[in-house]
mmCIF file of all heavy atoms, coordinates in Angstrom:
data_MODEL
# 
_entry.id   MODEL 
# 
loop_
_atom_site.group_PDB 
_atom_site.id 
_atom_site.type_symbol 
_atom_site.label_atom_id 
_atom_site.label_alt_id 
_atom_site.label_comp_id 
_atom_site.label_asym_id 
_atom_site.label_entity_id 
_atom_site.label_seq_id 
_atom_site.pdbx_PDB_ins_code 
_atom_site.Cartn_x 
_atom_site.Cartn_y 
_atom_site.Cartn_z 
_atom_site.occupancy 
_atom_site.B_iso_or_equiv 
_atom_site.pdbx_formal_charge 
_atom_site.auth_seq_id 
_atom_site.auth_comp_id 
_atom_site.auth_asym_id 
_atom_site.auth_atom_id 
_atom_site.pdbx_PDB_model_num 
ATOM 1   N N   . VAL A 1 1  ? 10.683  3.314  16.453  1.00 0.00 ? 1  VAL A N   1 
ATOM 2   C CA  . VAL A 1 1  ? 9.313   3.193  15.966  1.00 0.00 ? 1  VAL A CA  1 
ATOM 3   C C   . VAL A 1 1  ? 9.246   3.462  14.465  1.00 0.00 ? 1  VAL A C   1 
ATOM 4   O O   . VAL A 1 1  ? 8.507   2.796  13.739  1.00 0.00 ? 1  VAL A O   1 
ATOM 5   C CB  . VAL A 1 1  ? 8.373   4.119  16.757  1.00 0.00 ? 1  VAL A CB  1 
ATOM 6   C CG1 . VAL A 1 1  ? 6.962   4.083  16.182  1.00 0.00 ? 1  VAL A CG1 1 
ATOM 7   C CG2 . VAL A 1 1  ? 8.347   3.700  18.222  1.00 0.00 ? 1  VAL A CG2 1 
ATOM 8   N N   . ARG A 1 2  ? 10.025  4.434  13.981  1.00 0.00 ? 2  ARG A N   1 
ATOM 9   C CA  . ARG A 1 2  ? 10.032  4.693  12.535  1.00 0.00 ? 2  ARG A CA  1 
ATOM 10  C C   . ARG A 1 2  ? 10.510  3.458  11.777  1.00 0.00 ? 2  ARG A C   1 
ATOM 11  O O   . ARG A 1 2  ? 10.013  3.159  10.690  1.00 0.00 ? 2  ARG A O   1 
ATOM 12  C CB  . ARG A 1 2  ? 10.930  5.894  12.222  1.00 0.00 ? 2  ARG A CB  1 
ATOM 13  C CG  . ARG A 1 2  ? 10.857  6.328  10.744  1.00 0.00 ? 2  ARG A CG  1 
ATOM 14  C CD  . ARG A 1 2  ? 11.800  7.486  10.471  1.00 0.00 ? 2  ARG A CD  1 
ATOM 15  N NE  . ARG A 1 2  ? 11.806  7.814  9.062   1.00 0.00 ? 2  ARG A NE  1 
ATOM 16  C CZ  . ARG A 1 2  ? 11.028  8.737  8.488   1.00 0.00 ? 2  ARG A CZ  1 
ATOM 17  N NH1 . ARG A 1 2  ? 10.169  9.415  9.227   1.00 0.00 ? 2  ARG A NH1 1 
ATOM 18  N NH2 . ARG A 1 2  ? 11.091  8.975  7.199   1.00 0.00 ? 2  ARG A NH2 1 
ATOM 19  N N   . ARG A 1 3  ? 11.458  2.729  12.356  1.00 0.00 ? 3  ARG A N   1 
ATOM 20  C CA  . ARG A 1 3  ? 11.946  1.507  11.717  1.00 0.00 ? 3  ARG A CA  1 
ATOM 21  C C   . ARG A 1 3  ? 10.816  0.476  11.585  1.00 0.00 ? 3  ARG A C   1 
ATOM 22  O O   . ARG A 1 3  ? 10.700  -0.205 10.561  1.00 0.00 ? 3  ARG A O   1 
ATOM 23  C CB  . ARG A 1 3  ? 13.104  0.930  12.517  1.00 0.00 ? 3  ARG A CB  1 
ATOM 24  C CG  . ARG A 1 3  ? 13.761  -0.289 11.883  1.00 0.00 ? 3  ARG A CG  1 
ATOM 25  C CD  . ARG A 1 3  ? 15.066  -0.652 12.594  1.00 0.00 ? 3  ARG A CD  1 
ATOM 26  N NE  . ARG A 1 3  ? 14.828  -0.950 14.007  1.00 0.00 ? 3  ARG A NE  1 
ATOM 27  C CZ  . ARG A 1 3  ? 15.342  -0.247 15.011  1.00 0.00 ? 3  ARG A CZ  1 
ATOM 28  N NH1 . ARG A 1 3  ? 16.115  0.795  14.782  1.00 0.00 ? 3  ARG A NH1 1 
ATOM 29  N NH2 . ARG A 1 3  ? 15.099  -0.589 16.264  1.00 0.00 ? 3  ARG A NH2 1 
ATOM 30  N N   . THR A 1 4  ? 9.970   0.380  12.596  1.00 0.00 ? 4  THR A N   1 
ATOM 31  C CA  . THR A 1 4  ? 8.858   -0.577 12.518  1.00 0.00 ? 4  THR A CA  1 
ATOM 32  C C   . THR A 1 4  ? 7.839   -0.138 11.462  1.00 0.00 ? 4  THR A C   1 
ATOM 33  O O   . THR A 1 4  ? 7.269   -0.981 10.761  1.00 0.00 ? 4  THR A O   1 
ATOM 34  C CB  . THR A 1 4  ? 8.152   -0.740 13.876  1.00 0.00 ? 4  THR A CB  1 
ATOM 35  O OG1 . THR A 1 4  ? 7.465   0.461  14.236  1.00 0.00 ? 4  THR A OG1 1 
ATOM 36  C CG2 . THR A 1 4  ? 9.149   -1.118 14.964  1.00 0.00 ? 4  THR A CG2 1 
ATOM 37  N N   . ILE A 1 5  ? 7.597   1.174  11.352  1.00 0.00 ? 5  ILE A N   1 
ATOM 38  C CA  . ILE A 1 5  ? 6.670   1.685  10.336  1.00 0.00 ? 5  ILE A CA  1 
ATOM 39  C C   . ILE A 1 5  ? 7.241   1.419  8.940   1.00 0.00 ? 5  ILE A C   1 
ATOM 40  O O   . ILE A 1 5  ? 6.519   1.004  8.024   1.00 0.00 ? 5  ILE A O   1 
ATOM 41  C CB  . ILE A 1 5  ? 6.407   3.183  10.535  1.00 0.00 ? 5  ILE A CB  1 
ATOM 42  C CG1 . ILE A 1 5  ? 5.806   3.453  11.924  1.00 0.00 ? 5  ILE A CG1 1 
ATOM 43  C CG2 . ILE A 1 5  ? 5.502   3.727  9.438   1.00 0.00 ? 5  ILE A CG2 1 
ATOM 44  C CD1 . ILE A 1 5  ? 4.447   2.862  12.164  1.00 0.00 ? 5  ILE A CD1 1 
ATOM 45  N N   . ALA A 1 6  ? 8.536   1.709  8.766   1.00 0.00 ? 6  ALA A N   1 
ATOM 46  C CA  . ALA A 1 6  ? 9.174   1.485  7.464   1.00 0.00 ? 6  ALA A CA  1 
ATOM 47  C C   . ALA A 1 6  ? 9.107   0.008  7.077   1.00 0.00 ? 6  ALA A C   1 
ATOM 48  O O   . ALA A 1 6  ? 8.872   -0.335 5.909   1.00 0.00 ? 6  ALA A O   1 
ATOM 49  C CB  . ALA A 1 6  ? 10.618  1.961  7.511   1.00 0.00 ? 6  ALA A CB  1 
ATOM 50  N N   . GLU A 1 7  ? 9.300   -0.873 8.046   1.00 0.00 ? 7  GLU A N   1 
ATOM 51  C CA  . GLU A 1 7  ? 9.210   -2.311 7.781   1.00 0.00 ? 7  GLU A CA  1 
ATOM 52  C C   . GLU A 1 7  ? 7.792   -2.681 7.344   1.00 0.00 ? 7  GLU A C   1 
ATOM 53  O O   . GLU A 1 7  ? 7.593   -3.459 6.401   1.00 0.00 ? 7  GLU A O   1 
ATOM 54  C CB  . GLU A 1 7  ? 9.594   -3.097 9.045   1.00 0.00 ? 7  GLU A CB  1 
ATOM 55  C CG  . GLU A 1 7  ? 9.437   -4.602 8.939   1.00 0.00 ? 7  GLU A CG  1 
ATOM 56  C CD  . GLU A 1 7  ? 10.404  -5.240 7.954   1.00 0.00 ? 7  GLU A CD  1 
ATOM 57  O OE1 . GLU A 1 7  ? 11.480  -4.664 7.698   1.00 0.00 ? 7  GLU A OE1 1 
ATOM 58  O OE2 . GLU A 1 7  ? 10.074  -6.329 7.428   1.00 0.00 ? 7  GLU A OE2 1 
ATOM 59  N N   . ALA A 1 8  ? 6.798   -2.099 8.025   1.00 0.00 ? 8  ALA A N   1 
ATOM 60  C CA  . ALA A 1 8  ? 5.399   -2.403 7.699   1.00 0.00 ? 8  ALA A CA  1 
ATOM 61  C C   . ALA A 1 8  ? 5.006   -1.875 6.325   1.00 0.00 ? 8  ALA A C   1 
ATOM 62  O O   . ALA A 1 8  ? 4.153   -2.460 5.649   1.00 0.00 ? 8  ALA A O   1 
ATOM 63  C CB  . ALA A 1 8  ? 4.481   -1.832 8.770   1.00 0.00 ? 8  ALA A CB  1 
ATOM 64  N N   . LEU A 1 9  ? 5.632   -0.772 5.908   1.00 0.00 ? 9  LEU A N   1 
ATOM 65  C CA  . LEU A 1 9  ? 5.283   -0.142 4.627   1.00 0.00 ? 9  LEU A CA  1 
ATOM 66  C C   . LEU A 1 9  ? 6.191   -0.594 3.481   1.00 0.00 ? 9  LEU A C   1 
ATOM 67  O O   . LEU A 1 9  ? 6.284   0.085  2.461   1.00 0.00 ? 9  LEU A O   1 
ATOM 68  C CB  . LEU A 1 9  ? 5.342   1.380  4.761   1.00 0.00 ? 9  LEU A CB  1 
ATOM 69  C CG  . LEU A 1 9  ? 4.290   2.009  5.689   1.00 0.00 ? 9  LEU A CG  1 
ATOM 70  C CD1 . LEU A 1 9  ? 4.517   3.508  5.813   1.00 0.00 ? 9  LEU A CD1 1 
ATOM 71  C CD2 . LEU A 1 9  ? 2.876   1.730  5.196   1.00 0.00 ? 9  LEU A CD2 1 
ATOM 72  N N   . LYS A 1 10 ? 6.830   -1.729 3.626   1.00 0.00 ? 10 LYS A N   1 
ATOM 73  C CA  . LYS A 1 10 ? 7.671   -2.257 2.554   1.00 0.00 ? 10 LYS A CA  1 
ATOM 74  C C   . LYS A 1 10 ? 6.830   -2.552 1.311   1.00 0.00 ? 10 LYS A C   1 
ATOM 75  O O   . LYS A 1 10 ? 5.628   -2.814 1.406   1.00 0.00 ? 10 LYS A O   1 
ATOM 76  C CB  . LYS A 1 10 ? 8.384   -3.531 3.021   1.00 0.00 ? 10 LYS A CB  1 
ATOM 77  C CG  . LYS A 1 10 ? 9.655   -3.267 3.820   1.00 0.00 ? 10 LYS A CG  1 
ATOM 78  C CD  . LYS A 1 10 ? 10.399  -4.555 4.090   1.00 0.00 ? 10 LYS A CD  1 
ATOM 79  C CE  . LYS A 1 10 ? 11.766  -4.279 4.701   1.00 0.00 ? 10 LYS A CE  1 
ATOM 80  N NZ  . LYS A 1 10 ? 12.506  -5.540 4.975   1.00 0.00 ? 10 LYS A NZ  1 
ATOM 81  N N   . PRO A 1 11 ? 7.474   -2.546 0.127   1.00 0.00 ? 11 PRO A N   1 
ATOM 82  C CA  . PRO A 1 11 ? 6.719   -2.755 -1.113  1.00 0.00 ? 11 PRO A CA  1 
ATOM 83  C C   . PRO A 1 11 ? 5.840   -3.998 -1.123  1.00 0.00 ? 11 PRO A C   1 
ATOM 84  O O   . PRO A 1 11 ? 4.745   -3.980 -1.687  1.00 0.00 ? 11 PRO A O   1 
ATOM 85  C CB  . PRO A 1 11 ? 7.827   -2.840 -2.168  1.00 0.00 ? 11 PRO A CB  1 
ATOM 86  C CG  . PRO A 1 11 ? 8.927   -1.977 -1.617  1.00 0.00 ? 11 PRO A CG  1 
ATOM 87  C CD  . PRO A 1 11 ? 8.882   -2.207 -0.128  1.00 0.00 ? 11 PRO A CD  1 
ATOM 88  N N   . LYS A 1 12 ? 6.271   -5.087 -0.499  1.00 0.00 ? 12 LYS A N   1 
ATOM 89  C CA  . LYS A 1 12 ? 5.471   -6.319 -0.523  1.00 0.00 ? 12 LYS A CA  1 
ATOM 90  C C   . LYS A 1 12 ? 4.108   -6.110 0.127   1.00 0.00 ? 12 LYS A C   1 
ATOM 91  O O   . LYS A 1 12 ? 3.134   -6.797 -0.211  1.00 0.00 ? 12 LYS A O   1 
ATOM 92  C CB  . LYS A 1 12 ? 6.214   -7.453 0.170   1.00 0.00 ? 12 LYS A CB  1 
ATOM 93  C CG  . LYS A 1 12 ? 6.372   -7.283 1.680   1.00 0.00 ? 12 LYS A CG  1 
ATOM 94  C CD  . LYS A 1 12 ? 7.039   -8.488 2.324   1.00 0.00 ? 12 LYS A CD  1 
ATOM 95  C CE  . LYS A 1 12 ? 7.138   -8.304 3.849   1.00 0.00 ? 12 LYS A CE  1 
ATOM 96  N NZ  . LYS A 1 12 ? 7.754   -9.474 4.505   1.00 0.00 ? 12 LYS A NZ  1 
ATOM 97  N N   . ASN A 1 13 ? 4.035   -5.166 1.091   1.00 0.00 ? 13 ASN A N   1 
ATOM 98  C CA  . ASN A 1 13 ? 2.772   -4.878 1.753   1.00 0.00 ? 13 ASN A CA  1 
ATOM 99  C C   . ASN A 1 13 ? 1.977   -3.791 1.053   1.00 0.00 ? 13 ASN A C   1 
ATOM 100 O O   . ASN A 1 13 ? 0.764   -3.676 1.255   1.00 0.00 ? 13 ASN A O   1 
ATOM 101 C CB  . ASN A 1 13 ? 3.021   -4.469 3.208   1.00 0.00 ? 13 ASN A CB  1 
ATOM 102 C CG  . ASN A 1 13 ? 3.613   -5.582 4.038   1.00 0.00 ? 13 ASN A CG  1 
ATOM 103 O OD1 . ASN A 1 13 ? 3.310   -6.761 3.822   1.00 0.00 ? 13 ASN A OD1 1 
ATOM 104 N ND2 . ASN A 1 13 ? 4.456   -5.231 4.998   1.00 0.00 ? 13 ASN A ND2 1 
ATOM 105 N N   . ILE A 1 14 ? 2.659   -2.982 0.250   1.00 0.00 ? 14 ILE A N   1 
ATOM 106 C CA  . ILE A 1 14 ? 2.014   -1.844 -0.411  1.00 0.00 ? 14 ILE A CA  1 
ATOM 107 C C   . ILE A 1 14 ? 1.509   -2.187 -1.805  1.00 0.00 ? 14 ILE A C   1 
ATOM 108 O O   . ILE A 1 14 ? 0.483   -1.668 -2.251  1.00 0.00 ? 14 ILE A O   1 
ATOM 109 C CB  . ILE A 1 14 ? 3.012   -0.658 -0.493  1.00 0.00 ? 14 ILE A CB  1 
ATOM 110 C CG1 . ILE A 1 14 ? 3.360   -0.172 0.920   1.00 0.00 ? 14 ILE A CG1 1 
ATOM 111 C CG2 . ILE A 1 14 ? 2.437   0.486  -1.318  1.00 0.00 ? 14 ILE A CG2 1 
ATOM 112 C CD1 . ILE A 1 14 ? 2.171   0.366  1.694   1.00 0.00 ? 14 ILE A CD1 1 
ATOM 113 N N   . GLN A 1 15 ? 2.191   -3.064 -2.512  1.00 0.00 ? 15 GLN A N   1 
ATOM 114 C CA  . GLN A 1 15 ? 1.833   -3.340 -3.911  1.00 0.00 ? 15 GLN A CA  1 
ATOM 115 C C   . GLN A 1 15 ? 0.383   -3.779 -4.105  1.00 0.00 ? 15 GLN A C   1 
ATOM 116 O O   . GLN A 1 15 ? -0.314  -3.269 -4.997  1.00 0.00 ? 15 GLN A O   1 
ATOM 117 C CB  . GLN A 1 15 ? 2.796   -4.379 -4.488  1.00 0.00 ? 15 GLN A CB  1 
ATOM 118 C CG  . GLN A 1 15 ? 4.174   -3.796 -4.786  1.00 0.00 ? 15 GLN A CG  1 
ATOM 119 C CD  . GLN A 1 15 ? 5.207   -4.856 -5.097  1.00 0.00 ? 15 GLN A CD  1 
ATOM 120 O OE1 . GLN A 1 15 ? 4.922   -6.063 -5.013  1.00 0.00 ? 15 GLN A OE1 1 
ATOM 121 N NE2 . GLN A 1 15 ? 6.420   -4.425 -5.435  1.00 0.00 ? 15 GLN A NE2 1 
ATOM 122 N N   . PRO A 1 16 ? -0.145  -4.688 -3.286  1.00 0.00 ? 16 PRO A N   1 
ATOM 123 C CA  . PRO A 1 16 ? -1.556  -5.051 -3.464  1.00 0.00 ? 16 PRO A CA  1 
ATOM 124 C C   . PRO A 1 16 ? -2.490  -3.863 -3.234  1.00 0.00 ? 16 PRO A C   1 
ATOM 125 O O   . PRO A 1 16 ? -3.533  -3.751 -3.892  1.00 0.00 ? 16 PRO A O   1 
ATOM 126 C CB  . PRO A 1 16 ? -1.779  -6.143 -2.410  1.00 0.00 ? 16 PRO A CB  1 
ATOM 127 C CG  . PRO A 1 16 ? -0.417  -6.663 -2.101  1.00 0.00 ? 16 PRO A CG  1 
ATOM 128 C CD  . PRO A 1 16 ? 0.499   -5.488 -2.242  1.00 0.00 ? 16 PRO A CD  1 
ATOM 129 N N   . VAL A 1 17 ? -2.103  -2.977 -2.325  1.00 0.00 ? 17 VAL A N   1 
ATOM 130 C CA  . VAL A 1 17 ? -2.926  -1.806 -2.036  1.00 0.00 ? 17 VAL A CA  1 
ATOM 131 C C   . VAL A 1 17 ? -2.873  -0.822 -3.192  1.00 0.00 ? 17 VAL A C   1 
ATOM 132 O O   . VAL A 1 17 ? -3.873  -0.158 -3.504  1.00 0.00 ? 17 VAL A O   1 
ATOM 133 C CB  . VAL A 1 17 ? -2.472  -1.148 -0.716  1.00 0.00 ? 17 VAL A CB  1 
ATOM 134 C CG1 . VAL A 1 17 ? -3.295  0.087  -0.417  1.00 0.00 ? 17 VAL A CG1 1 
ATOM 135 C CG2 . VAL A 1 17 ? -2.600  -2.138 0.428   1.00 0.00 ? 17 VAL A CG2 1 
ATOM 136 N N   . ALA A 1 18 ? -1.736  -0.713 -3.852  1.00 0.00 ? 18 ALA A N   1 
ATOM 137 C CA  . ALA A 1 18 ? -1.627  0.166  -5.023  1.00 0.00 ? 18 ALA A CA  1 
ATOM 138 C C   . ALA A 1 18 ? -2.571  -0.285 -6.127  1.00 0.00 ? 18 ALA A C   1 
ATOM 139 O O   . ALA A 1 18 ? -3.229  0.539  -6.782  1.00 0.00 ? 18 ALA A O   1 
ATOM 140 C CB  . ALA A 1 18 ? -0.185  0.193  -5.526  1.00 0.00 ? 18 ALA A CB  1 
ATOM 141 N N   . ARG A 1 19 ? -2.657  -1.586 -6.316  1.00 0.00 ? 19 ARG A N   1 
ATOM 142 C CA  . ARG A 1 19 ? -3.598  -2.101 -7.323  1.00 0.00 ? 19 ARG A CA  1 
ATOM 143 C C   . ARG A 1 19 ? -5.031  -1.810 -6.906  1.00 0.00 ? 19 ARG A C   1 
ATOM 144 O O   . ARG A 1 19 ? -5.873  -1.457 -7.740  1.00 0.00 ? 19 ARG A O   1 
ATOM 145 C CB  . ARG A 1 19 ? -3.376  -3.599 -7.518  1.00 0.00 ? 19 ARG A CB  1 
ATOM 146 C CG  . ARG A 1 19 ? -2.051  -3.946 -8.189  1.00 0.00 ? 19 ARG A CG  1 
ATOM 147 C CD  . ARG A 1 19 ? -2.009  -5.389 -8.616  1.00 0.00 ? 19 ARG A CD  1 
ATOM 148 N NE  . ARG A 1 19 ? -1.963  -6.292 -7.476  1.00 0.00 ? 19 ARG A NE  1 
ATOM 149 C CZ  . ARG A 1 19 ? -0.827  -6.713 -6.895  1.00 0.00 ? 19 ARG A CZ  1 
ATOM 150 N NH1 . ARG A 1 19 ? 0.337   -6.280 -7.343  1.00 0.00 ? 19 ARG A NH1 1 
ATOM 151 N NH2 . ARG A 1 19 ? -0.870  -7.548 -5.876  1.00 0.00 ? 19 ARG A NH2 1 
ATOM 152 N N   . ARG A 1 20 ? -5.313  -1.952 -5.616  1.00 0.00 ? 20 ARG A N   1 
ATOM 153 C CA  . ARG A 1 20 ? -6.649  -1.651 -5.115  1.00 0.00 ? 20 ARG A CA  1 
ATOM 154 C C   . ARG A 1 20 ? -6.953  -0.171 -5.283  1.00 0.00 ? 20 ARG A C   1 
ATOM 155 O O   . ARG A 1 20 ? -8.088  0.214  -5.596  1.00 0.00 ? 20 ARG A O   1 
ATOM 156 C CB  . ARG A 1 20 ? -6.754  -2.053 -3.640  1.00 0.00 ? 20 ARG A CB  1 
ATOM 157 C CG  . ARG A 1 20 ? -8.068  -1.666 -2.957  1.00 0.00 ? 20 ARG A CG  1 
ATOM 158 C CD  . ARG A 1 20 ? -9.256  -2.272 -3.669  1.00 0.00 ? 20 ARG A CD  1 
ATOM 159 N NE  . ARG A 1 20 ? -10.516 -1.724 -3.185  1.00 0.00 ? 20 ARG A NE  1 
ATOM 160 C CZ  . ARG A 1 20 ? -11.608 -1.595 -3.928  1.00 0.00 ? 20 ARG A CZ  1 
ATOM 161 N NH1 . ARG A 1 20 ? -11.599 -1.969 -5.205  1.00 0.00 ? 20 ARG A NH1 1 
ATOM 162 N NH2 . ARG A 1 20 ? -12.710 -1.105 -3.418  1.00 0.00 ? 20 ARG A NH2 1 
ATOM 163 N N   . LEU A 1 21 ? -5.960  0.685  -5.101  1.00 0.00 ? 21 LEU A N   1 
ATOM 164 C CA  . LEU A 1 21 ? -6.145  2.123  -5.260  1.00 0.00 ? 21 LEU A CA  1 
ATOM 165 C C   . LEU A 1 21 ? -6.609  2.458  -6.667  1.00 0.00 ? 21 LEU A C   1 
ATOM 166 O O   . LEU A 1 21 ? -7.569  3.216  -6.848  1.00 0.00 ? 21 LEU A O   1 
ATOM 167 C CB  . LEU A 1 21 ? -4.835  2.854  -4.937  1.00 0.00 ? 21 LEU A CB  1 
ATOM 168 C CG  . LEU A 1 21 ? -4.774  4.349  -5.238  1.00 0.00 ? 21 LEU A CG  1 
ATOM 169 C CD1 . LEU A 1 21 ? -5.838  5.098  -4.455  1.00 0.00 ? 21 LEU A CD1 1 
ATOM 170 C CD2 . LEU A 1 21 ? -3.384  4.902  -4.913  1.00 0.00 ? 21 LEU A CD2 1 
ATOM 171 N N   . GLU A 1 22 ? -5.944  1.909  -7.675  1.00 0.00 ? 22 GLU A N   1 
ATOM 172 C CA  . GLU A 1 22 ? -6.334  2.191  -9.063  1.00 0.00 ? 22 GLU A CA  1 
ATOM 173 C C   . GLU A 1 22 ? -7.763  1.737  -9.329  1.00 0.00 ? 22 GLU A C   1 
ATOM 174 O O   . GLU A 1 22 ? -8.551  2.445  -9.959  1.00 0.00 ? 22 GLU A O   1 
ATOM 175 C CB  . GLU A 1 22 ? -5.360  1.504  -10.012 1.00 0.00 ? 22 GLU A CB  1 
ATOM 176 C CG  . GLU A 1 22 ? -3.962  2.093  -9.971  1.00 0.00 ? 22 GLU A CG  1 
ATOM 177 C CD  . GLU A 1 22 ? -3.000  1.377  -10.904 1.00 0.00 ? 22 GLU A CD  1 
ATOM 178 O OE1 . GLU A 1 22 ? -3.328  0.233  -11.310 1.00 0.00 ? 22 GLU A OE1 1 
ATOM 179 O OE2 . GLU A 1 22 ? -1.954  1.953  -11.229 1.00 0.00 ? 22 GLU A OE2 1 
ATOM 180 N N   . ALA A 1 23 ? -8.122  0.548  -8.824  1.00 0.00 ? 23 ALA A N   1 
ATOM 181 C CA  . ALA A 1 23 ? -9.473  0.030  -9.037  1.00 0.00 ? 23 ALA A CA  1 
ATOM 182 C C   . ALA A 1 23 ? -10.502 0.875  -8.300  1.00 0.00 ? 23 ALA A C   1 
ATOM 183 O O   . ALA A 1 23 ? -11.576 1.181  -8.840  1.00 0.00 ? 23 ALA A O   1 
ATOM 184 C CB  . ALA A 1 23 ? -9.542  -1.426 -8.576  1.00 0.00 ? 23 ALA A CB  1 
ATOM 185 N N   . PHE A 1 24 ? -10.188 1.278  -7.069  1.00 0.00 ? 24 PHE A N   1 
ATOM 186 C CA  . PHE A 1 24 ? -11.142 2.060  -6.277  1.00 0.00 ? 24 PHE A CA  1 
ATOM 187 C C   . PHE A 1 24 ? -11.387 3.419  -6.913  1.00 0.00 ? 24 PHE A C   1 
ATOM 188 O O   . PHE A 1 24 ? -12.533 3.883  -6.987  1.00 0.00 ? 24 PHE A O   1 
ATOM 189 C CB  . PHE A 1 24 ? -10.623 2.230  -4.846  1.00 0.00 ? 24 PHE A CB  1 
ATOM 190 C CG  . PHE A 1 24 ? -11.562 2.985  -3.959  1.00 0.00 ? 24 PHE A CG  1 
ATOM 191 C CD1 . PHE A 1 24 ? -12.669 2.362  -3.403  1.00 0.00 ? 24 PHE A CD1 1 
ATOM 192 C CD2 . PHE A 1 24 ? -11.345 4.336  -3.674  1.00 0.00 ? 24 PHE A CD2 1 
ATOM 193 C CE1 . PHE A 1 24 ? -13.550 3.064  -2.579  1.00 0.00 ? 24 PHE A CE1 1 
ATOM 194 C CE2 . PHE A 1 24 ? -12.216 5.035  -2.865  1.00 0.00 ? 24 PHE A CE2 1 
ATOM 195 C CZ  . PHE A 1 24 ? -13.322 4.396  -2.307  1.00 0.00 ? 24 PHE A CZ  1 
ATOM 196 N N   . VAL A 1 25 ? -10.324 4.087  -7.365  1.00 0.00 ? 25 VAL A N   1 
ATOM 197 C CA  . VAL A 1 25 ? -10.487 5.389  -8.017  1.00 0.00 ? 25 VAL A CA  1 
ATOM 198 C C   . VAL A 1 25 ? -11.340 5.242  -9.267  1.00 0.00 ? 25 VAL A C   1 
ATOM 199 O O   . VAL A 1 25 ? -12.232 6.060  -9.525  1.00 0.00 ? 25 VAL A O   1 
ATOM 200 C CB  . VAL A 1 25 ? -9.110  6.015  -8.334  1.00 0.00 ? 25 VAL A CB  1 
ATOM 201 C CG1 . VAL A 1 25 ? -9.255  7.193  -9.287  1.00 0.00 ? 25 VAL A CG1 1 
ATOM 202 C CG2 . VAL A 1 25 ? -8.429  6.455  -7.047  1.00 0.00 ? 25 VAL A CG2 1 
ATOM 203 N N   . ALA A 1 26 ? -11.095 4.203  -10.055 1.00 0.00 ? 26 ALA A N   1 
ATOM 204 C CA  . ALA A 1 26 ? -11.901 3.975  -11.262 1.00 0.00 ? 26 ALA A CA  1 
ATOM 205 C C   . ALA A 1 26 ? -13.371 3.763  -10.902 1.00 0.00 ? 26 ALA A C   1 
ATOM 206 O O   . ALA A 1 26 ? -14.274 4.290  -11.575 1.00 0.00 ? 26 ALA A O   1 
ATOM 207 C CB  . ALA A 1 26 ? -11.359 2.774  -12.026 1.00 0.00 ? 26 ALA A CB  1 
ATOM 208 N N   . GLU A 1 27 ? -13.627 3.005  -9.834  1.00 0.00 ? 27 GLU A N   1 
ATOM 209 C CA  . GLU A 1 27 ? -15.001 2.777  -9.387  1.00 0.00 ? 27 GLU A CA  1 
ATOM 210 C C   . GLU A 1 27 ? -15.671 4.084  -8.973  1.00 0.00 ? 27 GLU A C   1 
ATOM 211 O O   . GLU A 1 27 ? -16.830 4.350  -9.334  1.00 0.00 ? 27 GLU A O   1 
ATOM 212 C CB  . GLU A 1 27 ? -15.009 1.795  -8.210  1.00 0.00 ? 27 GLU A CB  1 
ATOM 213 C CG  . GLU A 1 27 ? -14.598 0.382  -8.570  1.00 0.00 ? 27 GLU A CG  1 
ATOM 214 C CD  . GLU A 1 27 ? -14.268 -0.449 -7.334  1.00 0.00 ? 27 GLU A CD  1 
ATOM 215 O OE1 . GLU A 1 27 ? -14.518 0.042  -6.205  1.00 0.00 ? 27 GLU A OE1 1 
ATOM 216 O OE2 . GLU A 1 27 ? -13.752 -1.563 -7.486  1.00 0.00 ? 27 GLU A OE2 1 
ATOM 217 N N   . ARG A 1 28 ? -14.954 4.891  -8.206  1.00 0.00 ? 28 ARG A N   1 
ATOM 218 C CA  . ARG A 1 28 ? -15.524 6.160  -7.730  1.00 0.00 ? 28 ARG A CA  1 
ATOM 219 C C   . ARG A 1 28 ? -15.794 7.121  -8.887  1.00 0.00 ? 28 ARG A C   1 
ATOM 220 O O   . ARG A 1 28 ? -16.806 7.812  -8.916  1.00 0.00 ? 28 ARG A O   1 
ATOM 221 C CB  . ARG A 1 28 ? -14.578 6.809  -6.711  1.00 0.00 ? 28 ARG A CB  1 
ATOM 222 C CG  . ARG A 1 28 ? -14.688 6.221  -5.326  1.00 0.00 ? 28 ARG A CG  1 
ATOM 223 C CD  . ARG A 1 28 ? -15.966 6.679  -4.659  1.00 0.00 ? 28 ARG A CD  1 
ATOM 224 N NE  . ARG A 1 28 ? -16.321 5.883  -3.508  1.00 0.00 ? 28 ARG A NE  1 
ATOM 225 C CZ  . ARG A 1 28 ? -16.998 6.344  -2.468  1.00 0.00 ? 28 ARG A CZ  1 
ATOM 226 N NH1 . ARG A 1 28 ? -17.395 7.602  -2.452  1.00 0.00 ? 28 ARG A NH1 1 
ATOM 227 N NH2 . ARG A 1 28 ? -17.311 5.556  -1.466  1.00 0.00 ? 28 ARG A NH2 1 
# 
């Protein structure tokens, strides 16, 4: 199961969220 989580959290899936994080924090 950890392998499936690690696969899901690969950089290709996280990078767009990181950009959203910076924008959301700035908005807040």
